[in-house]
Every structure is written in structure tokens, then in C-alpha cells.
Amino acid sequence: MAQNTRVRIEADIEVYVRTQSERVMGVPSQQLSAAELTTLTNRILYEHKLAQSMMRQEFIPRFLGWLKGLVSGDNSKVVTLPKAQQPALVEAQDQDLIADFAAQFEGDTNAA
């Protein structure tokens, strides 16, 4: 059974609650009475409680199951990527060409 208990809420929370009055109760925020503000606050708290319990029951177990599937590798949706191919070795003729090309610039680096 509900008890009559007064609770003080901060001004920014009251602004938030009042902005939800049209959506939850169909009453414009300027026309809210104190009793309607209490009812509105209770309904919003109940909505948040339901949303939190739904997150715990549905989203978190699914997310953890997905992570387990990734880690264990049993998930058929995980595809292994092929390993990168090794670059071809430079042939002996190309090595001579590279050495001749590099020799042209060795004199420039020593002069600097």
C-alpha cells in the first residue's frame, strides 16, 4: 500500500519530469497540479524501473553470449582472415641494379 511521504527533488529533475507530462499523462506541463506532479513522478520512476529490468534480462545476457561466441570460436559468423603473403624475394639481377642506383647517391650523402 502506498504511503504518503514527501520527497524533495532538485529543480533540474523537476524540469525533466514536467517535460514528460504531455507524453505520460497527456497534460501540458504548465497545467500540472502538485498531485499530478506526484503521479507523473511515480509513473516515470516505474518506467525507468521497467526499462532497467528489461536491460538486465534481455540485452546483457545476449551481449555476453555474443562475446562468449567470439572468444570460444564456436560461432560460425566469425571468419578467419587469410594470412598476408610474403613479398617475393629480390632476384640477383635486381639486387645489382638496386646497388648501382644506391651508389649514385652515396657520394652526395658524404659531401653533406
Protein backbone atom coordinates (compact mmCIF):
# COMPACT_ATOMS: atom_id res chain seq x y z
CA MET A 1 0.00 0.00 0.00
CA ALA A 2 1.26 3.46 -0.87
CA GLN A 3 2.46 5.75 1.88
CA ASN A 4 2.23 9.50 1.90
CA THR A 5 5.87 10.51 2.01
CA ARG A 6 7.23 13.85 0.93
CA VAL A 7 10.32 13.83 -1.20
CA ARG A 8 12.21 16.90 -2.32
CA ILE A 9 13.52 16.80 -5.88
CA GLU A 10 16.10 19.04 -7.43
CA ALA A 11 14.99 21.77 -9.82
CA ASP A 12 16.59 20.18 -12.90
CA ILE A 13 14.84 16.87 -12.19
CA GLU A 14 11.53 18.67 -11.78
CA VAL A 15 12.05 20.34 -15.16
CA TYR A 16 12.67 16.90 -16.70
CA VAL A 17 9.57 15.43 -15.04
CA ARG A 18 7.44 18.34 -16.23
CA THR A 19 8.68 17.93 -19.82
CA GLN A 20 7.44 14.32 -19.74
CA SER A 21 3.92 15.25 -18.59
CA GLU A 22 2.47 15.55 -22.11
CA ARG A 23 3.85 12.15 -23.15
CA VAL A 24 2.95 10.23 -19.98
CA MET A 25 -0.30 11.81 -18.83
CA GLY A 26 -1.44 14.00 -21.70
CA VAL A 27 -1.39 17.14 -19.52
CA PRO A 28 0.60 20.21 -20.59
CA SER A 29 3.46 21.00 -18.19
CA GLN A 30 2.04 24.44 -17.36
CA GLN A 31 -1.23 22.92 -16.12
CA LEU A 32 0.24 20.29 -13.75
CA SER A 33 -1.07 20.38 -10.19
CA ALA A 34 1.00 19.15 -7.25
CA ALA A 35 -0.96 15.88 -7.12
CA GLU A 36 -0.48 15.32 -10.85
CA LEU A 37 3.24 16.04 -10.48
CA THR A 38 3.42 13.31 -7.84
CA THR A 39 1.56 10.85 -10.06
CA LEU A 40 3.76 11.78 -13.01
CA THR A 41 6.92 11.27 -10.98
CA ASN A 42 5.73 7.85 -9.85
CA ARG A 43 4.90 6.80 -13.41
CA ILE A 44 8.28 7.95 -14.73
CA LEU A 45 10.09 6.11 -11.94
CA TYR A 46 8.12 2.98 -12.79
CA GLU A 47 9.03 3.33 -16.50
CA HIS A 48 12.71 3.60 -15.62
CA LYS A 49 12.44 0.58 -13.32
CA LEU A 50 10.86 -1.49 -16.11
CA ALA A 51 13.47 -0.35 -18.63
CA GLN A 52 16.29 -1.26 -16.26
CA SER A 53 14.88 -4.73 -15.60
CA MET A 54 14.43 -5.31 -19.35
CA MET A 55 18.05 -4.35 -19.96
CA ARG A 56 19.21 -6.85 -17.36
CA GLN A 57 17.00 -9.64 -18.68
CA GLU A 58 17.48 -9.22 -22.42
CA PHE A 59 20.41 -7.11 -23.52
CA ILE A 60 23.15 -8.08 -21.09
CA PRO A 61 22.78 -11.87 -21.48
CA ARG A 62 22.65 -11.55 -25.26
CA PHE A 63 25.71 -9.34 -25.28
CA LEU A 64 27.65 -11.70 -23.01
CA GLY A 65 26.62 -14.67 -25.17
CA TRP A 66 27.87 -12.86 -28.25
CA LEU A 67 31.20 -12.16 -26.56
CA LYS A 68 31.49 -15.82 -25.50
CA GLY A 69 30.90 -16.87 -29.08
CA LEU A 70 33.67 -14.61 -30.29
CA VAL A 71 36.14 -15.85 -27.71
CA SER A 72 35.38 -19.56 -27.98
CA GLY A 73 35.42 -19.57 -31.78
CA ASP A 74 32.30 -21.77 -31.99
CA ASN A 75 30.39 -19.01 -33.70
CA SER A 76 30.11 -19.68 -37.44
CA LYS A 77 29.84 -15.97 -38.15
CA VAL A 78 33.47 -15.39 -37.23
CA VAL A 79 35.65 -15.69 -40.30
CA THR A 80 39.40 -16.15 -40.14
CA LEU A 81 41.28 -13.79 -42.37
CA PRO A 82 43.93 -15.22 -44.70
CA LYS A 83 47.50 -14.51 -43.74
CA ALA A 84 49.32 -11.88 -45.75
CA GLN A 85 51.56 -13.29 -48.44
CA GLN A 86 55.30 -12.86 -48.16
CA PRO A 87 56.74 -10.42 -50.72
CA ALA A 88 58.71 -12.10 -53.48
CA LEU A 89 62.46 -12.19 -52.91
CA VAL A 90 64.51 -9.80 -55.00
CA GLU A 91 66.39 -11.62 -57.72
CA ALA A 92 70.18 -11.30 -58.10
CA GLN A 93 69.89 -9.11 -61.24
CA ASP A 94 67.59 -6.69 -59.44
CA GLN A 95 69.95 -6.56 -56.46
CA ASP A 96 72.80 -5.37 -58.75
CA LEU A 97 70.53 -2.70 -60.24
CA ILE A 98 69.47 -1.51 -56.79
CA ALA A 99 73.10 -1.40 -55.61
CA ASP A 100 74.16 0.65 -58.68
CA PHE A 101 71.28 3.04 -58.15
CA ALA A 102 72.11 3.49 -54.46
CA ALA A 103 75.82 4.04 -55.27
CA GLN A 104 74.90 7.16 -57.25
CA PHE A 105 73.62 8.83 -54.09
CA GLU A 106 76.28 7.68 -51.66
CA GLY A 107 78.66 10.39 -52.79
CA ASP A 108 76.00 13.05 -52.13
CA THR A 109 75.44 11.99 -48.52
CA ASN A 110 79.17 12.00 -47.72
CA ALA A 111 79.58 15.54 -49.13
CA ALA A 112 76.74 16.86 -46.99
